[in-house]
Each structure stands twice: as structure tokens, then as C-alpha cells.
Amino acid sequence: LAAVPSLEAHPLPLMLDAGVTVTIGSDDPPFFHTDLLSDYAHAWALADLDHDGLADLAVNSLVESFAPTERVAAWLDAMP
């Protein structure tokens, strides 16, 4: 889609600094030639995230999903 000219130009760090709730997801892996693990690795490198920062993105993905609230709560309780 070329929404940004390069990975380095992606606004992820600015979004996180502004307090935007960010989630990471691989929308269409075959089309974009990526997968979820690679997307998290890119986010980690781009925004200089630590383990807690990556975990926050994972939690956001659960909380902002359309999964039932009780299911999300169970998943969050199971996280280390």
C-alpha cells in the first residue's frame, strides 16, 4: 500500500509518544510478505521498545479486539 515511504518513516514512535492505543497485526501476510512475528520485530526496532512495550502492544490487541470481555479477561489473567 506504500502508506509510508519506508519503515523508518513510519509514525509508530510518534503515535506511542502521543498515547495512541496501538495494536500490531498482520493483515494479509502473503500480500505484504510478512508475518506477525516480523511485524512485532519491526515495531520493536522502530520504536526502541523493551519487553514491557511489546507486551503492551499485545495487551492492546486483546483489549481492542471484538472478543467477548470474559474471554479477553481470561487471556489477560493467563499472561505472565
PDB file of N, CA and C in Angstrom:
ATOM      1  N   LEU A   1       0.807  -1.196   0.000  1.00  0.00           N
ATOM      2  CA  LEU A   1       0.000   0.000   0.000  1.00  0.00           C
ATOM      3  C   LEU A   1       0.849   1.258   0.000  1.00  0.00           C
ATOM      4  N   ALA A   2       2.087   1.148   0.432  1.00  0.00           N
ATOM      5  CA  ALA A   2       3.011   2.282   0.445  1.00  0.00           C
ATOM      6  C   ALA A   2       2.455   3.481   1.208  1.00  0.00           C
ATOM      7  N   ALA A   3       1.873   3.210   2.373  1.00  0.00           N
ATOM      8  CA  ALA A   3       1.334   4.298   3.193  1.00  0.00           C
ATOM      9  C   ALA A   3       2.444   5.199   3.722  1.00  0.00           C
ATOM     10  N   VAL A   4       3.629   4.647   3.893  1.00  0.00           N
ATOM     11  CA  VAL A   4       4.808   5.429   4.266  1.00  0.00           C
ATOM     12  C   VAL A   4       5.932   5.047   3.305  1.00  0.00           C
ATOM     13  N   PRO A   5       6.847   5.977   3.020  1.00  0.00           N
ATOM     14  CA  PRO A   5       7.885   5.685   2.025  1.00  0.00           C
ATOM     15  C   PRO A   5       8.894   4.621   2.462  1.00  0.00           C
ATOM     16  N   SER A   6       9.060   4.444   3.772  1.00  0.00           N
ATOM     17  CA  SER A   6       9.990   3.437   4.280  1.00  0.00           C
ATOM     18  C   SER A   6       9.578   3.071   5.700  1.00  0.00           C
ATOM     19  N   LEU A   7      10.091   1.962   6.168  1.00  0.00           N
ATOM     20  CA  LEU A   7       9.799   1.547   7.540  1.00  0.00           C
ATOM     21  C   LEU A   7      10.285   2.605   8.535  1.00  0.00           C
ATOM     22  N   GLU A   8      11.435   3.181   8.251  1.00  0.00           N
ATOM     23  CA  GLU A   8      11.999   4.194   9.141  1.00  0.00           C
ATOM     24  C   GLU A   8      11.116   5.439   9.231  1.00  0.00           C
ATOM     25  N   ALA A   9      10.294   5.685   8.213  1.00  0.00           N
ATOM     26  CA  ALA A   9       9.414   6.857   8.199  1.00  0.00           C
ATOM     27  C   ALA A   9       8.065   6.583   8.863  1.00  0.00           C
ATOM     28  N   HIS A  10       7.857   5.360   9.323  1.00  0.00           N
ATOM     29  CA  HIS A  10       6.570   5.015   9.935  1.00  0.00           C
ATOM     30  C   HIS A  10       6.366   5.845  11.204  1.00  0.00           C
ATOM     31  N   PRO A  11       5.153   6.339  11.439  1.00  0.00           N
ATOM     32  CA  PRO A  11       4.899   7.191  12.604  1.00  0.00           C
ATOM     33  C   PRO A  11       4.693   6.442  13.923  1.00  0.00           C
ATOM     34  N   LEU A  12       4.977   5.159  13.981  1.00  0.00           N
ATOM     35  CA  LEU A  12       4.748   4.395  15.210  1.00  0.00           C
ATOM     36  C   LEU A  12       5.349   5.059  16.454  1.00  0.00           C
ATOM     37  N   PRO A  13       6.613   5.471  16.439  1.00  0.00           N
ATOM     38  CA  PRO A  13       7.149   6.101  17.659  1.00  0.00           C
ATOM     39  C   PRO A  13       6.369   7.351  18.067  1.00  0.00           C
ATOM     40  N   LEU A  14       5.972   8.156  17.099  1.00  0.00           N
ATOM     41  CA  LEU A  14       5.194   9.362  17.401  1.00  0.00           C
ATOM     42  C   LEU A  14       3.832   9.003  17.972  1.00  0.00           C
ATOM     43  N   MET A  15       3.226   7.965  17.423  1.00  0.00           N
ATOM     44  CA  MET A  15       1.916   7.528  17.901  1.00  0.00           C
ATOM     45  C   MET A  15       2.007   7.056  19.348  1.00  0.00           C
ATOM     46  N   LEU A  16       3.020   6.263  19.648  1.00  0.00           N
ATOM     47  CA  LEU A  16       3.194   5.767  21.015  1.00  0.00           C
ATOM     48  C   LEU A  16       3.477   6.920  21.977  1.00  0.00           C
ATOM     49  N   ASP A  17       4.332   7.849  21.560  1.00  0.00           N
ATOM     50  CA  ASP A  17       4.644   9.009  22.407  1.00  0.00           C
ATOM     51  C   ASP A  17       3.408   9.862  22.670  1.00  0.00           C
ATOM     52  N   ALA A  18       2.478   9.885  21.709  1.00  0.00           N
ATOM     53  CA  ALA A  18       1.256  10.685  21.851  1.00  0.00           C
ATOM     54  C   ALA A  18       0.187   9.962  22.662  1.00  0.00           C
ATOM     55  N   GLY A  19       0.455   8.702  23.037  1.00  0.00           N
ATOM     56  CA  GLY A  19      -0.509   7.953  23.834  1.00  0.00           C
ATOM     57  C   GLY A  19      -1.595   7.271  23.032  1.00  0.00           C
ATOM     58  N   VAL A  20      -1.395   7.149  21.724  1.00  0.00           N
ATOM     59  CA  VAL A  20      -2.365   6.453  20.881  1.00  0.00           C
ATOM     60  C   VAL A  20      -2.344   4.965  21.225  1.00  0.00           C
ATOM     61  N   THR A  21      -3.506   4.358  21.331  1.00  0.00           N
ATOM     62  CA  THR A  21      -3.585   2.918  21.547  1.00  0.00           C
ATOM     63  C   THR A  21      -3.232   2.229  20.239  1.00  0.00           C
ATOM     64  N   VAL A  22      -2.123   1.516  20.236  1.00  0.00           N
ATOM     65  CA  VAL A  22      -1.598   0.880  19.031  1.00  0.00           C
ATOM     66  C   VAL A  22      -1.711  -0.627  19.173  1.00  0.00           C
ATOM     67  N   THR A  23      -2.089  -1.278  18.092  1.00  0.00           N
ATOM     68  CA  THR A  23      -2.068  -2.735  18.028  1.00  0.00           C
ATOM     69  C   THR A  23      -1.212  -3.146  16.840  1.00  0.00           C
ATOM     70  N   ILE A  24      -0.659  -4.336  16.900  1.00  0.00           N
ATOM     71  CA  ILE A  24       0.138  -4.877  15.807  1.00  0.00           C
ATOM     72  C   ILE A  24      -0.615  -6.077  15.253  1.00  0.00           C
ATOM     73  N   GLY A  25      -0.759  -6.109  13.951  1.00  0.00           N
ATOM     74  CA  GLY A  25      -1.444  -7.231  13.322  1.00  0.00           C
ATOM     75  C   GLY A  25      -0.968  -7.417  11.900  1.00  0.00           C
ATOM     76  N   SER A  26      -0.919  -8.644  11.464  1.00  0.00           N
ATOM     77  CA  SER A  26      -0.550  -8.932  10.076  1.00  0.00           C
ATOM     78  C   SER A  26      -1.845  -9.121   9.300  1.00  0.00           C
ATOM     79  N   ASP A  27      -2.209  -8.092   8.589  1.00  0.00           N
ATOM     80  CA  ASP A  27      -3.488  -8.036   7.900  1.00  0.00           C
ATOM     81  C   ASP A  27      -3.594  -9.072   6.784  1.00  0.00           C
ATOM     82  N   ASP A  28      -2.583  -9.152   5.959  1.00  0.00           N
ATOM     83  CA  ASP A  28      -2.604 -10.046   4.808  1.00  0.00           C
ATOM     84  C   ASP A  28      -1.171 -10.508   4.531  1.00  0.00           C
ATOM     85  N   PRO A  29      -0.667 -11.480   5.317  1.00  0.00           N
ATOM     86  CA  PRO A  29       0.739 -11.877   5.209  1.00  0.00           C
ATOM     87  C   PRO A  29       1.223 -12.198   3.795  1.00  0.00           C
ATOM     88  N   PRO A  30       0.487 -12.963   2.983  1.00  0.00           N
ATOM     89  CA  PRO A  30       1.007 -13.241   1.642  1.00  0.00           C
ATOM     90  C   PRO A  30       1.164 -11.978   0.784  1.00  0.00           C
ATOM     91  N   PHE A  31       0.230 -11.056   0.909  1.00  0.00           N
ATOM     92  CA  PHE A  31       0.291  -9.834   0.107  1.00  0.00           C
ATOM     93  C   PHE A  31       1.439  -8.935   0.552  1.00  0.00           C
ATOM     94  N   PHE A  32       1.602  -8.786   1.864  1.00  0.00           N
ATOM     95  CA  PHE A  32       2.611  -7.872   2.394  1.00  0.00           C
ATOM     96  C   PHE A  32       3.959  -8.550   2.644  1.00  0.00           C
ATOM     97  N   HIS A  33       4.049  -9.843   2.404  1.00  0.00           N
ATOM     98  CA  HIS A  33       5.294 -10.602   2.578  1.00  0.00           C
ATOM     99  C   HIS A  33       5.853 -10.442   3.996  1.00  0.00           C
ATOM    100  N   THR A  34       4.996 -10.637   4.976  1.00  0.00           N
ATOM    101  CA  THR A  34       5.404 -10.525   6.371  1.00  0.00           C
ATOM    102  C   THR A  34       4.549 -11.455   7.219  1.00  0.00           C
ATOM    103  N   ASP A  35       4.828 -11.512   8.494  1.00  0.00           N
ATOM    104  CA  ASP A  35       4.009 -12.279   9.428  1.00  0.00           C
ATOM    105  C   ASP A  35       3.979 -11.519  10.754  1.00  0.00           C
ATOM    106  N   LEU A  36       3.215 -12.010  11.693  1.00  0.00           N
ATOM    107  CA  LEU A  36       3.027 -11.290  12.948  1.00  0.00           C
ATOM    108  C   LEU A  36       4.336 -11.126  13.718  1.00  0.00           C
ATOM    109  N   LEU A  37       5.147 -12.168  13.757  1.00  0.00           N
ATOM    110  CA  LEU A  37       6.424 -12.075  14.462  1.00  0.00           C
ATOM    111  C   LEU A  37       7.307 -10.993  13.844  1.00  0.00           C
ATOM    112  N   SER A  38       7.364 -10.953  12.526  1.00  0.00           N
ATOM    113  CA  SER A  38       8.153  -9.918  11.846  1.00  0.00           C
ATOM    114  C   SER A  38       7.606  -8.530  12.133  1.00  0.00           C
ATOM    115  N   ASP A  39       6.283  -8.407  12.178  1.00  0.00           N
ATOM    116  CA  ASP A  39       5.674  -7.108  12.473  1.00  0.00           C
ATOM    117  C   ASP A  39       6.054  -6.634  13.873  1.00  0.00           C
ATOM    118  N   TYR A  40       6.046  -7.538  14.848  1.00  0.00           N
ATOM    119  CA  TYR A  40       6.476  -7.172  16.200  1.00  0.00           C
ATOM    120  C   TYR A  40       7.967  -6.823  16.221  1.00  0.00           C
ATOM    121  N   ALA A  41       8.780  -7.551  15.473  1.00  0.00           N
ATOM    122  CA  ALA A  41      10.214  -7.251  15.410  1.00  0.00           C
ATOM    123  C   ALA A  41      10.449  -5.866  14.817  1.00  0.00           C
ATOM    124  N   HIS A  42       9.700  -5.524  13.781  1.00  0.00           N
ATOM    125  CA  HIS A  42       9.820  -4.185  13.187  1.00  0.00           C
ATOM    126  C   HIS A  42       9.403  -3.115  14.194  1.00  0.00           C
ATOM    127  N   ALA A  43       8.312  -3.345  14.904  1.00  0.00           N
ATOM    128  CA  ALA A  43       7.843  -2.378  15.904  1.00  0.00           C
ATOM    129  C   ALA A  43       8.884  -2.216  17.007  1.00  0.00           C
ATOM    130  N   TRP A  44       9.462  -3.327  17.451  1.00  0.00           N
ATOM    131  CA  TRP A  44      10.492  -3.300  18.488  1.00  0.00           C
ATOM    132  C   TRP A  44      11.676  -2.445  18.051  1.00  0.00           C
ATOM    133  N   ALA A  45      12.151  -2.671  16.834  1.00  0.00           N
ATOM    134  CA  ALA A  45      13.313  -1.937  16.338  1.00  0.00           C
ATOM    135  C   ALA A  45      12.978  -0.471  16.062  1.00  0.00           C
ATOM    136  N   LEU A  46      11.845  -0.234  15.467  1.00  0.00           N
ATOM    137  CA  LEU A  46      11.468   1.122  15.062  1.00  0.00           C
ATOM    138  C   LEU A  46      11.224   2.032  16.256  1.00  0.00           C
ATOM    139  N   ALA A  47      10.549   1.514  17.272  1.00  0.00           N
ATOM    140  CA  ALA A  47      10.166   2.341  18.420  1.00  0.00           C
ATOM    141  C   ALA A  47      11.060   2.104  19.633  1.00  0.00           C
ATOM    142  N   ASP A  48      12.124   1.302  19.454  1.00  0.00           N
ATOM    143  CA  ASP A  48      13.050   1.014  20.550  1.00  0.00           C
ATOM    144  C   ASP A  48      12.297   0.511  21.784  1.00  0.00           C
ATOM    145  N   LEU A  49      11.416  -0.462  21.560  1.00  0.00           N
ATOM    146  CA  LEU A  49      10.585  -0.999  22.634  1.00  0.00           C
ATOM    147  C   LEU A  49      11.341  -2.043  23.441  1.00  0.00           C
ATOM    148  N   ASP A  50      11.029  -2.114  24.708  1.00  0.00           N
ATOM    149  CA  ASP A  50      11.543  -3.187  25.544  1.00  0.00           C
ATOM    150  C   ASP A  50      10.454  -4.263  25.661  1.00  0.00           C
ATOM    151  N   HIS A  51      10.721  -5.274  26.494  1.00  0.00           N
ATOM    152  CA  HIS A  51       9.764  -6.372  26.656  1.00  0.00           C
ATOM    153  C   HIS A  51       8.398  -5.853  27.079  1.00  0.00           C
ATOM    154  N   ASP A  52       8.373  -4.924  28.029  1.00  0.00           N
ATOM    155  CA  ASP A  52       7.097  -4.387  28.507  1.00  0.00           C
ATOM    156  C   ASP A  52       6.357  -3.628  27.408  1.00  0.00           C
ATOM    157  N   GLY A  53       7.097  -2.907  26.575  1.00  0.00           N
ATOM    158  CA  GLY A  53       6.468  -2.188  25.469  1.00  0.00           C
ATOM    159  C   GLY A  53       5.824  -3.131  24.471  1.00  0.00           C
ATOM    160  N   LEU A  54       6.507  -4.234  24.172  1.00  0.00           N
ATOM    161  CA  LEU A  54       5.928  -5.236  23.278  1.00  0.00           C
ATOM    162  C   LEU A  54       4.715  -5.895  23.924  1.00  0.00           C
ATOM    163  N   ALA A  55       4.813  -6.172  25.220  1.00  0.00           N
ATOM    164  CA  ALA A  55       3.681  -6.770  25.931  1.00  0.00           C
ATOM    165  C   ALA A  55       2.485  -5.827  25.917  1.00  0.00           C
ATOM    166  N   ASP A  56       2.733  -4.529  26.058  1.00  0.00           N
ATOM    167  CA  ASP A  56       1.639  -3.556  25.997  1.00  0.00           C
ATOM    168  C   ASP A  56       0.917  -3.622  24.655  1.00  0.00           C
ATOM    169  N   LEU A  57       1.672  -3.774  23.578  1.00  0.00           N
ATOM    170  CA  LEU A  57       1.053  -3.882  22.254  1.00  0.00           C
ATOM    171  C   LEU A  57       0.196  -5.143  22.157  1.00  0.00           C
ATOM    172  N   ALA A  58       0.689  -6.240  22.732  1.00  0.00           N
ATOM    173  CA  ALA A  58      -0.082  -7.484  22.723  1.00  0.00           C
ATOM    174  C   ALA A  58      -1.360  -7.331  23.539  1.00  0.00           C
ATOM    175  N   VAL A  59      -1.258  -6.700  24.701  1.00  0.00           N
ATOM    176  CA  VAL A  59      -2.442  -6.462  25.535  1.00  0.00           C
ATOM    177  C   VAL A  59      -3.437  -5.586  24.782  1.00  0.00           C
ATOM    178  N   ASN A  60      -2.937  -4.535  24.131  1.00  0.00           N
ATOM    179  CA  ASN A  60      -3.828  -3.676  23.344  1.00  0.00           C
ATOM    180  C   ASN A  60      -4.594  -4.484  22.305  1.00  0.00           C
ATOM    181  N   SER A  61      -3.914  -5.421  21.669  1.00  0.00           N
ATOM    182  CA  SER A  61      -4.560  -6.236  20.637  1.00  0.00           C
ATOM    183  C   SER A  61      -5.710  -7.049  21.209  1.00  0.00           C
ATOM    184  N   LEU A  62      -5.539  -7.539  22.422  1.00  0.00           N
ATOM    185  CA  LEU A  62      -6.617  -8.291  23.063  1.00  0.00           C
ATOM    186  C   LEU A  62      -7.756  -7.373  23.484  1.00  0.00           C
ATOM    187  N   VAL A  63      -7.404  -6.290  24.160  1.00  0.00           N
ATOM    188  CA  VAL A  63      -8.417  -5.377  24.702  1.00  0.00           C
ATOM    189  C   VAL A  63      -9.233  -4.724  23.591  1.00  0.00           C
ATOM    190  N   GLU A  64      -8.593  -4.398  22.484  1.00  0.00           N
ATOM    191  CA  GLU A  64      -9.277  -3.706  21.390  1.00  0.00           C
ATOM    192  C   GLU A  64      -9.917  -4.666  20.387  1.00  0.00           C
ATOM    193  N   SER A  65      -9.833  -5.954  20.645  1.00  0.00           N
ATOM    194  CA  SER A  65     -10.434  -6.941  19.739  1.00  0.00           C
ATOM    195  C   SER A  65     -11.946  -6.992  19.941  1.00  0.00           C
ATOM    196  N   PHE A  66     -12.586  -7.749  19.097  1.00  0.00           N
ATOM    197  CA  PHE A  66     -14.027  -7.957  19.221  1.00  0.00           C
ATOM    198  C   PHE A  66     -14.351  -9.210  20.034  1.00  0.00           C
ATOM    199  N   ALA A  67     -13.345  -9.767  20.696  1.00  0.00           N
ATOM    200  CA  ALA A  67     -13.566 -10.957  21.518  1.00  0.00           C
ATOM    201  C   ALA A  67     -14.438 -10.594  22.720  1.00  0.00           C
ATOM    202  N   PRO A  68     -15.221 -11.550  23.203  1.00  0.00           N
ATOM    203  CA  PRO A  68     -16.048 -11.287  24.382  1.00  0.00           C
ATOM    204  C   PRO A  68     -15.191 -10.866  25.580  1.00  0.00           C
ATOM    205  N   THR A  69     -15.712  -9.959  26.371  1.00  0.00           N
ATOM    206  CA  THR A  69     -14.985  -9.398  27.510  1.00  0.00           C
ATOM    207  C   THR A  69     -14.463 -10.480  28.444  1.00  0.00           C
ATOM    208  N   GLU A  70     -15.284 -11.498  28.715  1.00  0.00           N
ATOM    209  CA  GLU A  70     -14.839 -12.544  29.634  1.00  0.00           C
ATOM    210  C   GLU A  70     -13.689 -13.356  29.041  1.00  0.00           C
ATOM    211  N   ARG A  71     -13.670 -13.518  27.731  1.00  0.00           N
ATOM    212  CA  ARG A  71     -12.567 -14.236  27.069  1.00  0.00           C
ATOM    213  C   ARG A  71     -11.282 -13.411  27.164  1.00  0.00           C
ATOM    214  N   VAL A  72     -11.400 -12.119  26.889  1.00  0.00           N
ATOM    215  CA  VAL A  72     -10.234 -11.233  26.985  1.00  0.00           C
ATOM    216  C   VAL A  72      -9.692 -11.242  28.410  1.00  0.00           C
ATOM    217  N   ALA A  73     -10.563 -11.166  29.396  1.00  0.00           N
ATOM    218  CA  ALA A  73     -10.134 -11.186  30.798  1.00  0.00           C
ATOM    219  C   ALA A  73      -9.381 -12.475  31.113  1.00  0.00           C
ATOM    220  N   ALA A  74      -9.859 -13.596  30.614  1.00  0.00           N
ATOM    221  CA  ALA A  74      -9.185 -14.879  30.854  1.00  0.00           C
ATOM    222  C   ALA A  74      -7.809 -14.892  30.199  1.00  0.00           C
ATOM    223  N   TRP A  75      -7.717 -14.381  28.982  1.00  0.00           N
ATOM    224  CA  TRP A  75      -6.415 -14.322  28.300  1.00  0.00           C
ATOM    225  C   TRP A  75      -5.448 -13.435  29.067  1.00  0.00           C
ATOM    226  N   LEU A  76      -5.935 -12.286  29.521  1.00  0.00           N
ATOM    227  CA  LEU A  76      -5.068 -11.368  30.260  1.00  0.00           C
ATOM    228  C   LEU A  76      -4.617 -11.979  31.581  1.00  0.00           C
ATOM    229  N   ASP A  77      -5.511 -12.702  32.249  1.00  0.00           N
ATOM    230  CA  ASP A  77      -5.152 -13.373  33.502  1.00  0.00           C
ATOM    231  C   ASP A  77      -4.089 -14.444  33.282  1.00  0.00           C
ATOM    232  N   ALA A  78      -4.076 -15.049  32.104  1.00  0.00           N
ATOM    233  CA  ALA A  78      -3.131 -16.121  31.804  1.00  0.00           C
ATOM    234  C   ALA A  78      -1.759 -15.597  31.383  1.00  0.00           C
ATOM    235  N   MET A  79      -1.659 -14.296  31.127  1.00  0.00           N
ATOM    236  CA  MET A  79      -0.373 -13.737  30.701  1.00  0.00           C
ATOM    237  C   MET A  79       0.583 -13.671  31.884  1.00  0.00           C
ATOM    238  N   PRO A  80       1.859 -13.987  31.626  1.00  0.00           N
ATOM    239  CA  PRO A  80       2.855 -13.921  32.719  1.00  0.00           C
ATOM    240  C   PRO A  80       3.112 -12.489  33.159  1.00  0.00           C
TER     241      PRO A  80
END
